[in-house]
């Protein structure tokens, strides 16, 4: 977790933002992106207000949970695409 100090805190927030960045490429999970961005903005606001670290830890946990759900959806989409491709290969009409 970040140490006290604005520079370190903001670096921590940017690190979180960088980890969720790849989500912008998946249209299926827009709702999760919005939730993650909202939580990230709350973290940055909390950092600026010097809120307790426990609040930030809770927000980070929510981001991780949302990211896991998004990754699960991505895997489901990939599996669906593989199935469609296989069906097309088996039935070349």
Protein backbone atom coordinates (compact mmCIF):
# COMPACT_ATOMS: atom_id res chain seq x y z
CA UNK A 1 0.00 0.00 0.00
CA UNK A 2 1.13 3.57 -0.51
CA UNK A 3 3.13 5.47 2.04
CA UNK A 4 2.02 8.82 3.31
CA UNK A 5 2.75 11.53 0.80
CA UNK A 6 0.93 12.83 -2.23
CA UNK A 7 3.47 11.73 -4.86
CA UNK A 8 3.53 8.13 -3.66
CA UNK A 9 -0.25 8.05 -3.30
CA UNK A 10 -0.81 9.32 -6.83
CA UNK A 11 1.72 6.82 -8.18
CA UNK A 12 -0.30 4.12 -6.46
CA UNK A 13 -3.50 5.38 -8.11
CA UNK A 14 -1.83 5.46 -11.53
CA UNK A 15 -0.54 1.92 -10.98
CA UNK A 16 -4.12 0.78 -10.39
CA UNK A 17 -5.27 2.64 -13.49
CA UNK A 18 -2.56 0.93 -15.55
CA UNK A 19 -3.64 -2.53 -14.37
CA UNK A 20 -7.22 -1.97 -15.50
CA UNK A 21 -6.26 -0.25 -18.75
CA UNK A 22 -6.63 -3.33 -21.01
CA UNK A 23 -10.32 -3.49 -20.13
CA UNK A 24 -10.99 -0.60 -22.52
CA UNK A 25 -10.64 -2.99 -25.46
CA UNK A 26 -13.61 -5.16 -24.54
CA UNK A 27 -17.03 -3.70 -25.38
CA UNK A 28 -18.90 -6.44 -23.53
CA UNK A 29 -17.73 -5.18 -20.14
CA UNK A 30 -18.51 -1.47 -20.39
CA UNK A 31 -20.58 -1.63 -17.22
CA UNK A 32 -17.61 -3.01 -15.29
CA UNK A 33 -15.32 -0.36 -16.76
CA UNK A 34 -17.65 2.35 -15.52
CA UNK A 35 -17.67 0.82 -12.04
CA UNK A 36 -13.89 0.53 -12.01
CA UNK A 37 -13.39 4.10 -13.22
CA UNK A 38 -15.85 5.36 -10.59
CA UNK A 39 -14.00 3.49 -7.84
CA UNK A 40 -10.64 4.70 -9.14
CA UNK A 41 -11.85 8.30 -9.11
CA UNK A 42 -13.01 7.79 -5.52
CA UNK A 43 -9.55 6.47 -4.63
CA UNK A 44 -7.86 9.50 -6.17
CA UNK A 45 -10.28 11.80 -4.34
CA UNK A 46 -9.59 9.97 -1.09
CA UNK A 47 -5.86 10.30 -1.68
CA UNK A 48 -6.22 14.02 -2.15
CA UNK A 49 -8.29 14.25 1.03
CA UNK A 50 -5.87 11.95 2.91
CA UNK A 51 -8.58 9.46 3.83
CA UNK A 52 -7.53 6.44 5.88
CA UNK A 53 -5.80 3.64 4.02
CA UNK A 54 -8.55 1.21 5.01
CA UNK A 55 -10.97 3.03 2.70
CA UNK A 56 -8.48 2.82 -0.15
CA UNK A 57 -7.87 -0.88 0.54
CA UNK A 58 -11.62 -1.50 0.33
CA UNK A 59 -11.79 0.38 -2.96
CA UNK A 60 -8.84 -1.58 -4.35
CA UNK A 61 -10.54 -4.82 -3.31
CA UNK A 62 -13.69 -3.75 -5.18
CA UNK A 63 -11.59 -3.02 -8.26
CA UNK A 64 -9.98 -6.44 -8.06
CA UNK A 65 -13.37 -8.15 -7.72
CA UNK A 66 -14.77 -6.24 -10.68
CA UNK A 67 -11.65 -7.03 -12.72
CA UNK A 68 -12.02 -10.75 -11.94
CA UNK A 69 -15.64 -10.65 -13.10
CA UNK A 70 -14.57 -8.87 -16.27
CA UNK A 71 -11.84 -11.44 -16.94
CA UNK A 72 -14.41 -14.20 -16.51
CA UNK A 73 -16.66 -12.50 -19.07
CA UNK A 74 -13.71 -12.15 -21.43
CA UNK A 75 -12.97 -15.86 -21.12
CA UNK A 76 -16.62 -16.66 -21.81
CA UNK A 77 -16.54 -14.47 -24.92
CA UNK A 78 -13.34 -16.16 -26.14
CA UNK A 79 -14.88 -19.59 -25.58
CA UNK A 80 -18.01 -18.53 -27.48
CA UNK A 81 -15.91 -17.29 -30.40
CA UNK A 82 -13.95 -20.55 -30.47
CA UNK A 83 -17.21 -22.52 -30.53
CA UNK A 84 -18.58 -20.41 -33.39
CA UNK A 85 -15.40 -20.85 -35.41
CA UNK A 86 -15.45 -24.58 -34.84
CA UNK A 87 -19.11 -24.79 -35.91
CA UNK A 88 -18.30 -22.82 -39.06
CA UNK A 89 -15.40 -25.15 -39.86
CA UNK A 90 -17.58 -28.23 -39.33
CA UNK A 91 -20.43 -26.84 -41.44
CA UNK A 92 -18.90 -24.89 -44.37
CA UNK A 93 -22.24 -23.66 -45.82
